[in-house]
Amino acid sequence: MTAVCVTIGILAAAGLAYLLLIRRQHLSICRQLRFIREEESRKRLEVNIEGFGEKKMADEINATLDDVREQKLAMHEREKLIADAYANLSHDIRTPLTSLDGYVQLLRTAPDEETKERYTAIIEERIRTLKDLLEDLFTFTKLKNEAYELELEQISLRSIVSETVLSYYDVWKAAGIEPEIEIADEAFMTEGNETAVKRILQNITKNAMVHGHESLKISLKREDEKTALLVIANRVEHPEEIEIGRVFEQFYTADRFHRQSSSGLGLAIAKELTERMGGTIGATLSGDTFAIEIRLPA
């Protein structure tokens, strides 16, 4: 009987000691979590005993902390991108605004109708520039919002490319450019967004008009059984100034002389829209020929 009582006493003491260890471990976990929260530390939660699943619990908490840190970092990066967009475009908007104000004053004192018409044309051009800058900022901000979803439906790439090319014909003609157009006689049906495809084409052709040199070639053909390939190529005057690996970065412009007429977001927006439609976009530079290649499922 005495031996049984001694055994029970030993077991009770051991159980109490173990419970104290568990309690100490729980208090340690609480202290570590408080430190991580208050100091915004990247420290990982540590446990000294297994207990009733403490190690597994610590692993789950650490995994959750890692997810929260990654989400927080991604949020900060998006906020920085948007802040940079506002800062860069605010600077760029000042130039056409200042110029616009000056030409409005000149228009008021213009001596004849011919001068008035010239000033009016310049003012209209500055307004278009401002509109394009603001539209780029709006689209870029929208695409950087993870909650934004691009609505997809069955569309014909051939129809959209043909229509967009036709809409730019007068602009190219006025600039003295006779584009080479090669569009295969196939619908190229894809799960996409008509407005997005038009915006991609507009951004790339505008980039070619601003930074290109006298030539433009647009082709749409089938690359393989599942892929349509759209290529827009143009000559550039200073190929040595182009960093081909950076052309899709936001705010990158190889030609500093055209910075005020370009937001530096056009190709970045084209990339975002292409990828949201399940496609890929890339750039090549061969001699003085710069080309954008877009591949979409078809």
Foldseek 3Di string as FASTA:
>chain_A
DVVVVVVVVVVVVVVVVVVVLVVVQVVQQVVVVVCCVVVVDLDAGDGDDCPPNPVVVSVVVNVVSVVVVVVVVLVVVLVVVLVVLCVLLVVLLVVLVVVLVVLVVCLVVPPDDVSNVVSVVSNVVSVVLNVVSVVLSVLVNLLSDPVDAFQWDKFFPLVLVVVLVVVCVVVCVVVQADEAEAEDPDRQIATAHSVLSSLLVVLVVVLCVQFFDRYWYWYWDAPDPWKIKIKIKGFGDCPVQDPQVCLLPALDDSDPVCSSSDSSHSSVSSQSRLVSRVKHWGWDQDPRMIMIMIMHTD
